[in-house]
Amino acid sequence: MPLLEMMLAPETMKTQQKIVESGRELEFHVEILEIRAEISEFRTKIPKIVTLTV
């Protein structure tokens, strides 16, 4: 392993870790948004279901 790579390795690892962490955060936000979308979709379906059953 060249000296420069050895010097940069810890920084590269930190950067990769940050990228992974921010990626996980993004996935988490996307999941929350998807859940919210499903909830609002469900809410719009409820009145239709209620009117059909009545």
Protein backbone atom coordinates (compact mmCIF):
# COMPACT_ATOMS: atom_id res chain seq x y z
CA MET A 1 0.00 0.00 0.00
CA PRO A 2 1.55 3.32 -1.04
CA LEU A 3 2.30 5.85 1.70
CA LEU A 4 -0.20 8.39 0.36
CA GLU A 5 -2.99 5.82 0.39
CA MET A 6 -2.07 4.86 3.96
CA MET A 7 -2.31 8.49 4.98
CA LEU A 8 -5.63 9.00 3.20
CA ALA A 9 -7.19 5.67 4.23
CA PRO A 10 -8.59 6.85 7.61
CA GLU A 11 -10.13 9.93 5.99
CA THR A 12 -11.55 7.86 3.16
CA MET A 13 -13.07 5.48 5.70
CA LYS A 14 -14.62 8.39 7.62
CA THR A 15 -16.03 9.84 4.42
CA GLN A 16 -17.45 6.46 3.38
CA GLN A 17 -18.99 6.05 6.81
CA LYS A 18 -20.61 9.50 6.55
CA ILE A 19 -21.96 8.63 3.11
CA VAL A 20 -23.39 5.36 4.46
CA GLU A 21 -24.94 7.14 7.45
CA SER A 22 -26.50 9.87 5.32
CA GLY A 23 -27.72 7.17 2.93
CA ARG A 24 -29.42 5.40 5.82
CA GLU A 25 -30.97 8.70 6.94
CA LEU A 26 -32.30 9.26 3.44
CA GLU A 27 -33.75 5.74 3.33
CA PHE A 28 -35.38 6.41 6.70
CA HIS A 29 -36.92 9.67 5.43
CA VAL A 30 -38.13 7.96 2.27
CA GLU A 31 -39.77 5.22 4.37
CA ILE A 32 -41.50 7.86 6.52
CA LEU A 33 -42.75 9.64 3.40
CA GLU A 34 -44.01 6.36 1.93
CA ILE A 35 -45.83 5.54 5.18
CA ARG A 36 -47.38 9.03 5.24
CA ALA A 37 -48.47 8.61 1.63
CA GLU A 38 -50.07 5.26 2.46
CA ILE A 39 -51.86 6.77 5.47
CA SER A 40 -53.26 9.67 3.43
CA GLU A 41 -54.26 7.23 0.67
CA PHE A 42 -56.01 5.09 3.29
CA ARG A 43 -57.78 8.17 4.70
CA THR A 44 -59.16 9.04 1.28
CA LYS A 45 -60.41 5.45 0.89
CA ILE A 46 -62.19 5.37 4.27
CA PRO A 47 -65.10 7.68 3.30
CA LYS A 48 -65.64 5.66 0.11
CA ILE A 49 -65.70 2.40 2.08
CA VAL A 50 -68.10 3.92 4.62
CA THR A 51 -70.49 5.17 1.93
CA LEU A 52 -70.41 1.78 0.20
CA THR A 53 -71.26 -0.14 3.37
CA VAL A 54 -74.04 2.22 4.51
